Amino acid sequence: MQTVSAVIGIQRCGTTPCSNTTNDGIFGEILYAGDFTPVRHEPQLPPYQNFTFTLDDTTNGKATIHVADLFLVGVSIYFYFTSVL
């Protein structure tokens, strides 16, 4: 498996429930779009890459973080998507 790229976004929901049908798209505000180059830091853990973001505090309430990862397995391309509330 070869990791290719990642996209990280935040959907700010405020006081309303978070939804995947907003005008911002599934990712909301894009925080990162680029290379994903995970490194093995500890032998007992899988490789990972740290990302740090500074967000303004203009929107109080809930938010959803969305992450998409594009990777190659053999000659096939796979896309993995996850959301965290």
PDB file of N, CA and C in Angstrom:
ATOM      1  N   MET A   1       0.842  -1.180   0.000  1.00  0.00           N
ATOM      2  CA  MET A   1       0.000   0.000   0.000  1.00  0.00           C
ATOM      3  C   MET A   1       0.884   1.239   0.000  1.00  0.00           C
ATOM      4  N   GLN A   2       0.528   2.204  -0.829  1.00  0.00           N
ATOM      5  CA  GLN A   2       1.253   3.466  -0.902  1.00  0.00           C
ATOM      6  C   GLN A   2       0.259   4.605  -0.706  1.00  0.00           C
ATOM      7  N   THR A   3       0.457   5.404   0.333  1.00  0.00           N
ATOM      8  CA  THR A   3      -0.407   6.544   0.593  1.00  0.00           C
ATOM      9  C   THR A   3      -0.039   7.676  -0.345  1.00  0.00           C
ATOM     10  N   VAL A   4      -1.044   8.356  -0.898  1.00  0.00           N
ATOM     11  CA  VAL A   4      -0.806   9.377  -1.907  1.00  0.00           C
ATOM     12  C   VAL A   4      -1.130  10.774  -1.388  1.00  0.00           C
ATOM     13  N   SER A   5      -2.359  10.994  -0.920  1.00  0.00           N
ATOM     14  CA  SER A   5      -2.745  12.332  -0.502  1.00  0.00           C
ATOM     15  C   SER A   5      -3.866  12.279   0.528  1.00  0.00           C
ATOM     16  N   ALA A   6      -4.128  13.447   1.141  1.00  0.00           N
ATOM     17  CA  ALA A   6      -5.184  13.544   2.143  1.00  0.00           C
ATOM     18  C   ALA A   6      -5.880  14.891   2.012  1.00  0.00           C
ATOM     19  N   VAL A   7      -7.155  14.904   2.417  1.00  0.00           N
ATOM     20  CA  VAL A   7      -7.928  16.133   2.512  1.00  0.00           C
ATOM     21  C   VAL A   7      -8.567  16.137   3.895  1.00  0.00           C
ATOM     22  N   ILE A   8      -8.424  17.264   4.608  1.00  0.00           N
ATOM     23  CA  ILE A   8      -9.010  17.415   5.942  1.00  0.00           C
ATOM     24  C   ILE A   8      -9.863  18.672   5.929  1.00  0.00           C
ATOM     25  N   GLY A   9     -11.095  18.541   6.394  1.00  0.00           N
ATOM     26  CA  GLY A   9     -11.995  19.689   6.440  1.00  0.00           C
ATOM     27  C   GLY A   9     -12.770  19.725   7.733  1.00  0.00           C
ATOM     28  N   ILE A  10     -13.319  20.892   8.039  1.00  0.00           N
ATOM     29  CA  ILE A  10     -14.156  21.043   9.226  1.00  0.00           C
ATOM     30  C   ILE A  10     -15.484  21.656   8.815  1.00  0.00           C
ATOM     31  N   GLN A  11     -16.544  21.047   9.282  1.00  0.00           N
ATOM     32  CA  GLN A  11     -17.890  21.562   9.049  1.00  0.00           C
ATOM     33  C   GLN A  11     -18.384  22.100  10.385  1.00  0.00           C
ATOM     34  N   ARG A  12     -18.525  23.402  10.469  1.00  0.00           N
ATOM     35  CA  ARG A  12     -18.977  24.040  11.710  1.00  0.00           C
ATOM     36  C   ARG A  12     -20.497  24.069  11.720  1.00  0.00           C
ATOM     37  N   CYS A  13     -21.080  23.515  12.758  1.00  0.00           N
ATOM     38  CA  CYS A  13     -22.523  23.344  12.805  1.00  0.00           C
ATOM     39  C   CYS A  13     -23.207  24.347  13.724  1.00  0.00           C
ATOM     40  N   GLY A  14     -22.445  24.995  14.589  1.00  0.00           N
ATOM     41  CA  GLY A  14     -23.047  25.941  15.530  1.00  0.00           C
ATOM     42  C   GLY A  14     -23.999  25.230  16.466  1.00  0.00           C
ATOM     43  N   THR A  15     -25.209  25.739  16.581  1.00  0.00           N
ATOM     44  CA  THR A  15     -26.193  25.135  17.486  1.00  0.00           C
ATOM     45  C   THR A  15     -27.119  24.160  16.783  1.00  0.00           C
ATOM     46  N   THR A  16     -26.985  24.030  15.452  1.00  0.00           N
ATOM     47  CA  THR A  16     -27.830  23.089  14.716  1.00  0.00           C
ATOM     48  C   THR A  16     -27.094  21.765  14.545  1.00  0.00           C
ATOM     49  N   PRO A  17     -27.818  20.664  14.339  1.00  0.00           N
ATOM     50  CA  PRO A  17     -27.153  19.379  14.115  1.00  0.00           C
ATOM     51  C   PRO A  17     -26.310  19.414  12.835  1.00  0.00           C
ATOM     52  N   CYS A  18     -25.175  18.759  12.862  1.00  0.00           N
ATOM     53  CA  CYS A  18     -24.314  18.688  11.685  1.00  0.00           C
ATOM     54  C   CYS A  18     -24.982  17.827  10.614  1.00  0.00           C
ATOM     55  N   SER A  19     -24.799  18.207   9.354  1.00  0.00           N
ATOM     56  CA  SER A  19     -25.421  17.508   8.241  1.00  0.00           C
ATOM     57  C   SER A  19     -24.433  17.407   7.094  1.00  0.00           C
ATOM     58  N   ASN A  20     -24.574  16.384   6.277  1.00  0.00           N
ATOM     59  CA  ASN A  20     -23.722  16.227   5.099  1.00  0.00           C
ATOM     60  C   ASN A  20     -24.325  16.885   3.869  1.00  0.00           C
ATOM     61  N   THR A  21     -25.363  17.682   4.044  1.00  0.00           N
ATOM     62  CA  THR A  21     -26.045  18.276   2.896  1.00  0.00           C
ATOM     63  C   THR A  21     -25.957  19.801   2.914  1.00  0.00           C
ATOM     64  N   THR A  22     -24.874  20.361   3.444  1.00  0.00           N
ATOM     65  CA  THR A  22     -24.735  21.816   3.495  1.00  0.00           C
ATOM     66  C   THR A  22     -24.208  22.349   2.175  1.00  0.00           C
ATOM     67  N   ASN A  23     -24.275  23.649   2.013  1.00  0.00           N
ATOM     68  CA  ASN A  23     -23.735  24.294   0.816  1.00  0.00           C
ATOM     69  C   ASN A  23     -22.213  24.253   0.788  1.00  0.00           C
ATOM     70  N   ASP A  24     -21.576  23.992   1.937  1.00  0.00           N
ATOM     71  CA  ASP A  24     -20.114  23.912   2.011  1.00  0.00           C
ATOM     72  C   ASP A  24     -19.586  22.601   1.452  1.00  0.00           C
ATOM     73  N   GLY A  25     -20.460  21.685   1.090  1.00  0.00           N
ATOM     74  CA  GLY A  25     -20.020  20.373   0.630  1.00  0.00           C
ATOM     75  C   GLY A  25     -19.729  19.474   1.810  1.00  0.00           C
ATOM     76  N   ILE A  26     -19.343  18.276   1.540  1.00  0.00           N
ATOM     77  CA  ILE A  26     -19.126  17.281   2.596  1.00  0.00           C
ATOM     78  C   ILE A  26     -17.972  17.660   3.515  1.00  0.00           C
ATOM     79  N   PHE A  27     -16.966  18.371   2.997  1.00  0.00           N
ATOM     80  CA  PHE A  27     -15.798  18.700   3.811  1.00  0.00           C
ATOM     81  C   PHE A  27     -15.955  19.989   4.595  1.00  0.00           C
ATOM     82  N   GLY A  28     -16.876  20.854   4.220  1.00  0.00           N
ATOM     83  CA  GLY A  28     -16.976  22.145   4.878  1.00  0.00           C
ATOM     84  C   GLY A  28     -15.783  23.004   4.489  1.00  0.00           C
ATOM     85  N   GLU A  29     -15.144  23.609   5.463  1.00  0.00           N
ATOM     86  CA  GLU A  29     -13.958  24.434   5.233  1.00  0.00           C
ATOM     87  C   GLU A  29     -12.733  23.524   5.112  1.00  0.00           C
ATOM     88  N   ILE A  30     -12.041  23.594   3.994  1.00  0.00           N
ATOM     89  CA  ILE A  30     -10.858  22.748   3.786  1.00  0.00           C
ATOM     90  C   ILE A  30      -9.710  23.305   4.612  1.00  0.00           C
ATOM     91  N   LEU A  31      -9.168  22.476   5.507  1.00  0.00           N
ATOM     92  CA  LEU A  31      -8.038  22.860   6.338  1.00  0.00           C
ATOM     93  C   LEU A  31      -6.715  22.413   5.730  1.00  0.00           C
ATOM     94  N   TYR A  32      -6.744  21.299   4.998  1.00  0.00           N
ATOM     95  CA  TYR A  32      -5.523  20.764   4.386  1.00  0.00           C
ATOM     96  C   TYR A  32      -5.902  19.926   3.181  1.00  0.00           C
ATOM     97  N   ALA A  33      -5.143  20.088   2.112  1.00  0.00           N
ATOM     98  CA  ALA A  33      -5.264  19.238   0.925  1.00  0.00           C
ATOM     99  C   ALA A  33      -3.859  19.121   0.352  1.00  0.00           C
ATOM    100  N   GLY A  34      -3.312  17.927   0.414  1.00  0.00           N
ATOM    101  CA  GLY A  34      -1.951  17.763  -0.089  1.00  0.00           C
ATOM    102  C   GLY A  34      -1.399  16.386   0.186  1.00  0.00           C
ATOM    103  N   ASP A  35      -0.077  16.311   0.135  1.00  0.00           N
ATOM    104  CA  ASP A  35       0.610  15.035   0.336  1.00  0.00           C
ATOM    105  C   ASP A  35       0.338  14.479   1.725  1.00  0.00           C
ATOM    106  N   PHE A  36       0.258  13.183   1.799  1.00  0.00           N
ATOM    107  CA  PHE A  36       0.128  12.481   3.068  1.00  0.00           C
ATOM    108  C   PHE A  36       1.292  11.515   3.137  1.00  0.00           C
ATOM    109  N   THR A  37       2.233  11.791   4.030  1.00  0.00           N
ATOM    110  CA  THR A  37       3.460  10.984   4.129  1.00  0.00           C
ATOM    111  C   THR A  37       3.646  10.502   5.558  1.00  0.00           C
ATOM    112  N   PRO A  38       2.872   9.497   5.954  1.00  0.00           N
ATOM    113  CA  PRO A  38       2.991   8.993   7.327  1.00  0.00           C
ATOM    114  C   PRO A  38       4.350   8.347   7.579  1.00  0.00           C
ATOM    115  N   VAL A  39       4.821   8.489   8.814  1.00  0.00           N
ATOM    116  CA  VAL A  39       6.122   7.955   9.229  1.00  0.00           C
ATOM    117  C   VAL A  39       5.910   7.120  10.484  1.00  0.00           C
ATOM    118  N   ARG A  40       6.665   6.040  10.604  1.00  0.00           N
ATOM    119  CA  ARG A  40       6.597   5.208  11.811  1.00  0.00           C
ATOM    120  C   ARG A  40       7.434   5.874  12.903  1.00  0.00           C
ATOM    121  N   HIS A  41       6.763   6.296  13.990  1.00  0.00           N
ATOM    122  CA  HIS A  41       7.427   6.968  15.096  1.00  0.00           C
ATOM    123  C   HIS A  41       7.730   6.014  16.245  1.00  0.00           C
ATOM    124  N   GLU A  42       6.850   5.070  16.467  1.00  0.00           N
ATOM    125  CA  GLU A  42       7.022   4.060  17.509  1.00  0.00           C
ATOM    126  C   GLU A  42       6.844   2.684  16.868  1.00  0.00           C
ATOM    127  N   PRO A  43       7.680   1.719  17.230  1.00  0.00           N
ATOM    128  CA  PRO A  43       7.600   0.410  16.563  1.00  0.00           C
ATOM    129  C   PRO A  43       6.266  -0.311  16.774  1.00  0.00           C
ATOM    130  N   GLN A  44       5.564  -0.048  17.872  1.00  0.00           N
ATOM    131  CA  GLN A  44       4.314  -0.750  18.157  1.00  0.00           C
ATOM    132  C   GLN A  44       3.099  -0.070  17.522  1.00  0.00           C
ATOM    133  N   LEU A  45       3.265   1.118  16.922  1.00  0.00           N
ATOM    134  CA  LEU A  45       2.152   1.840  16.319  1.00  0.00           C
ATOM    135  C   LEU A  45       2.298   1.899  14.807  1.00  0.00           C
ATOM    136  N   PRO A  46       1.180   2.003  14.099  1.00  0.00           N
ATOM    137  CA  PRO A  46       1.272   2.150  12.640  1.00  0.00           C
ATOM    138  C   PRO A  46       1.833   3.540  12.291  1.00  0.00           C
ATOM    139  N   PRO A  47       2.325   3.716  11.077  1.00  0.00           N
ATOM    140  CA  PRO A  47       2.836   5.029  10.671  1.00  0.00           C
ATOM    141  C   PRO A  47       1.723   6.084  10.716  1.00  0.00           C
ATOM    142  N   TYR A  48       2.094   7.320  11.058  1.00  0.00           N
ATOM    143  CA  TYR A  48       1.116   8.405  11.075  1.00  0.00           C
ATOM    144  C   TYR A  48       1.814   9.726  10.792  1.00  0.00           C
ATOM    145  N   GLN A  49       0.997  10.737  10.513  1.00  0.00           N
ATOM    146  CA  GLN A  49       1.483  12.089  10.287  1.00  0.00           C
ATOM    147  C   GLN A  49       0.633  13.034  11.117  1.00  0.00           C
ATOM    148  N   ASN A  50       1.265  13.923  11.853  1.00  0.00           N
ATOM    149  CA  ASN A  50       0.547  14.891  12.671  1.00  0.00           C
ATOM    150  C   ASN A  50       0.153  16.107  11.841  1.00  0.00           C
ATOM    151  N   PHE A  51      -1.040  16.625  12.098  1.00  0.00           N
ATOM    152  CA  PHE A  51      -1.511  17.866  11.504  1.00  0.00           C
ATOM    153  C   PHE A  51      -1.979  18.770  12.639  1.00  0.00           C
ATOM    154  N   THR A  52      -1.591  20.034  12.613  1.00  0.00           N
ATOM    155  CA  THR A  52      -1.997  20.998  13.625  1.00  0.00           C
ATOM    156  C   THR A  52      -2.670  22.176  12.930  1.00  0.00           C
ATOM    157  N   PHE A  53      -3.830  22.582  13.439  1.00  0.00           N
ATOM    158  CA  PHE A  53      -4.590  23.682  12.858  1.00  0.00           C
ATOM    159  C   PHE A  53      -4.948  24.678  13.945  1.00  0.00           C
ATOM    160  N   THR A  54      -4.977  25.937  13.601  1.00  0.00           N
ATOM    161  CA  THR A  54      -5.459  26.981  14.485  1.00  0.00           C
ATOM    162  C   THR A  54      -6.777  27.486  13.908  1.00  0.00           C
ATOM    163  N   LEU A  55      -7.832  27.396  14.711  1.00  0.00           N
ATOM    164  CA  LEU A  55      -9.163  27.800  14.268  1.00  0.00           C
ATOM    165  C   LEU A  55      -9.589  29.049  15.016  1.00  0.00           C
ATOM    166  N   ASP A  56     -10.313  29.938  14.330  1.00  0.00           N
ATOM    167  CA  ASP A  56     -10.877  31.085  15.037  1.00  0.00           C
ATOM    168  C   ASP A  56     -12.049  30.603  15.885  1.00  0.00           C
ATOM    169  N   ASP A  57     -12.441  31.406  16.820  1.00  0.00           N
ATOM    170  CA  ASP A  57     -13.516  30.990  17.723  1.00  0.00           C
ATOM    171  C   ASP A  57     -14.806  31.754  17.451  1.00  0.00           C
ATOM    172  N   THR A  58     -15.055  32.076  16.180  1.00  0.00           N
ATOM    173  CA  THR A  58     -16.249  32.844  15.835  1.00  0.00           C
ATOM    174  C   THR A  58     -17.515  31.990  15.811  1.00  0.00           C
ATOM    175  N   THR A  59     -17.383  30.686  15.706  1.00  0.00           N
ATOM    176  CA  THR A  59     -18.544  29.799  15.687  1.00  0.00           C
ATOM    177  C   THR A  59     -18.488  28.869  16.888  1.00  0.00           C
ATOM    178  N   ASN A  60     -19.376  29.088  17.844  1.00  0.00           N
ATOM    179  CA  ASN A  60     -19.466  28.195  18.997  1.00  0.00           C
ATOM    180  C   ASN A  60     -20.356  27.022  18.655  1.00  0.00           C
ATOM    181  N   GLY A  61     -20.178  25.931  19.373  1.00  0.00           N
ATOM    182  CA  GLY A  61     -21.039  24.773  19.179  1.00  0.00           C
ATOM    183  C   GLY A  61     -20.306  23.604  18.570  1.00  0.00           C
ATOM    184  N   LYS A  62     -21.069  22.718  17.968  1.00  0.00           N
ATOM    185  CA  LYS A  62     -20.527  21.473  17.429  1.00  0.00           C
ATOM    186  C   LYS A  62     -19.871  21.681  16.073  1.00  0.00           C
ATOM    187  N   ALA A  63     -18.997  20.729  15.743  1.00  0.00           N
ATOM    188  CA  ALA A  63     -18.352  20.715  14.428  1.00  0.00           C
ATOM    189  C   ALA A  63     -18.035  19.263  14.086  1.00  0.00           C
ATOM    190  N   THR A  64     -17.871  19.003  12.821  1.00  0.00           N
ATOM    191  CA  THR A  64     -17.483  17.675  12.349  1.00  0.00           C
ATOM    192  C   THR A  64     -16.181  17.809  11.569  1.00  0.00           C
ATOM    193  N   ILE A  65     -15.222  16.944  11.874  1.00  0.00           N
ATOM    194  CA  ILE A  65     -13.966  16.882  11.128  1.00  0.00           C
ATOM    195  C   ILE A  65     -14.105  15.750  10.110  1.00  0.00           C
ATOM    196  N   HIS A  66     -13.790  16.034   8.859  1.00  0.00           N
ATOM    197  CA  HIS A  66     -13.850  15.040   7.789  1.00  0.00           C
ATOM    198  C   HIS A  66     -12.437  14.815   7.253  1.00  0.00           C
ATOM    199  N   VAL A  67     -12.084  13.563   7.051  1.00  0.00           N
ATOM    200  CA  VAL A  67     -10.762  13.216   6.519  1.00  0.00           C
ATOM    201  C   VAL A  67     -10.934  12.216   5.385  1.00  0.00           C
ATOM    202  N   ALA A  68     -10.270  12.493   4.274  1.00  0.00           N
ATOM    203  CA  ALA A  68     -10.252  11.565   3.144  1.00  0.00           C
ATOM    204  C   ALA A  68      -8.801  11.242   2.835  1.00  0.00           C
ATOM    205  N   ASP A  69      -8.538   9.986   2.532  1.00  0.00           N
ATOM    206  CA  ASP A  69      -7.193   9.496   2.256  1.00  0.00           C
ATOM    207  C   ASP A  69      -7.227   8.733   0.941  1.00  0.00           C
ATOM    208  N   LEU A  70      -6.341   9.079   0.034  1.00  0.00           N
ATOM    209  CA  LEU A  70      -6.222   8.380  -1.243  1.00  0.00           C
ATOM    210  C   LEU A  70      -4.956   7.543  -1.200  1.00  0.00           C
ATOM    211  N   PHE A  71      -5.085   6.241  -1.488  1.00  0.00           N
ATOM    212  CA  PHE A  71      -3.914   5.379  -1.466  1.00  0.00           C
ATOM    213  C   PHE A  71      -3.978   4.332  -2.563  1.00  0.00           C
ATOM    214  N   LEU A  72      -2.833   3.809  -2.903  1.00  0.00           N
ATOM    215  CA  LEU A  72      -2.701   2.799  -3.953  1.00  0.00           C
ATOM    216  C   LEU A  72      -2.425   1.441  -3.331  1.00  0.00           C
ATOM    217  N   VAL A  73      -3.090   0.425  -3.855  1.00  0.00           N
ATOM    218  CA  VAL A  73      -2.828  -0.964  -3.468  1.00  0.00           C
ATOM    219  C   VAL A  73      -2.634  -1.722  -4.771  1.00  0.00           C
ATOM    220  N   GLY A  74      -1.406  -2.116  -5.053  1.00  0.00           N
ATOM    221  CA  GLY A  74      -1.116  -2.756  -6.334  1.00  0.00           C
ATOM    222  C   GLY A  74      -1.356  -1.769  -7.453  1.00  0.00           C
ATOM    223  N   VAL A  75      -2.226  -2.105  -8.388  1.00  0.00           N
ATOM    224  CA  VAL A  75      -2.548  -1.202  -9.488  1.00  0.00           C
ATOM    225  C   VAL A  75      -3.894  -0.509  -9.272  1.00  0.00           C
ATOM    226  N   SER A  76      -4.498  -0.701  -8.103  1.00  0.00           N
ATOM    227  CA  SER A  76      -5.806  -0.120  -7.815  1.00  0.00           C
ATOM    228  C   SER A  76      -5.680   1.121  -6.945  1.00  0.00           C
ATOM    229  N   ILE A  77      -6.600   2.072  -7.138  1.00  0.00           N
ATOM    230  CA  ILE A  77      -6.659   3.281  -6.326  1.00  0.00           C
ATOM    231  C   ILE A  77      -7.843   3.142  -5.375  1.00  0.00           C
ATOM    232  N   TYR A  78      -7.605   3.420  -4.089  1.00  0.00           N
ATOM    233  CA  TYR A  78      -8.654   3.349  -3.081  1.00  0.00           C
ATOM    234  C   TYR A  78      -8.808   4.699  -2.411  1.00  0.00           C
ATOM    235  N   PHE A  79     -10.036   4.980  -1.985  1.00  0.00           N
ATOM    236  CA  PHE A  79     -10.373   6.219  -1.319  1.00  0.00           C
ATOM    237  C   PHE A  79     -11.011   5.855   0.009  1.00  0.00           C
ATOM    238  N   TYR A  80     -10.508   6.409   1.107  1.00  0.00           N
ATOM    239  CA  TYR A  80     -11.049   6.137   2.436  1.00  0.00           C
ATOM    240  C   TYR A  80     -11.532   7.450   3.029  1.00  0.00           C
ATOM    241  N   PHE A  81     -12.768   7.466   3.525  1.00  0.00           N
ATOM    242  CA  PHE A  81     -13.361   8.681   4.065  1.00  0.00           C
ATOM    243  C   PHE A  81     -13.856   8.402   5.483  1.00  0.00           C
ATOM    244  N   THR A  82     -13.584   9.333   6.416  1.00  0.00           N
ATOM    245  CA  THR A  82     -14.076   9.180   7.775  1.00  0.00           C
ATOM    246  C   THR A  82     -14.482  10.544   8.333  1.00  0.00           C
ATOM    247  N   SER A  83     -15.433  10.546   9.240  1.00  0.00           N
ATOM    248  CA  SER A  83     -15.887  11.774   9.904  1.00  0.00           C
ATOM    249  C   SER A  83     -15.848  11.563  11.397  1.00  0.00           C
ATOM    250  N   VAL A  84     -15.509  12.639  12.123  1.00  0.00           N
ATOM    251  CA  VAL A  84     -15.469  12.599  13.592  1.00  0.00           C
ATOM    252  C   VAL A  84     -16.258  13.782  14.107  1.00  0.00           C
ATOM    253  N   LEU A  85     -17.207  13.516  14.976  1.00  0.00           N
ATOM    254  CA  LEU A  85     -18.003  14.594  15.558  1.00  0.00           C
ATOM    255  C   LEU A  85     -17.316  15.141  16.775  1.00  0.00           C
TER     256      LEU A  85
END
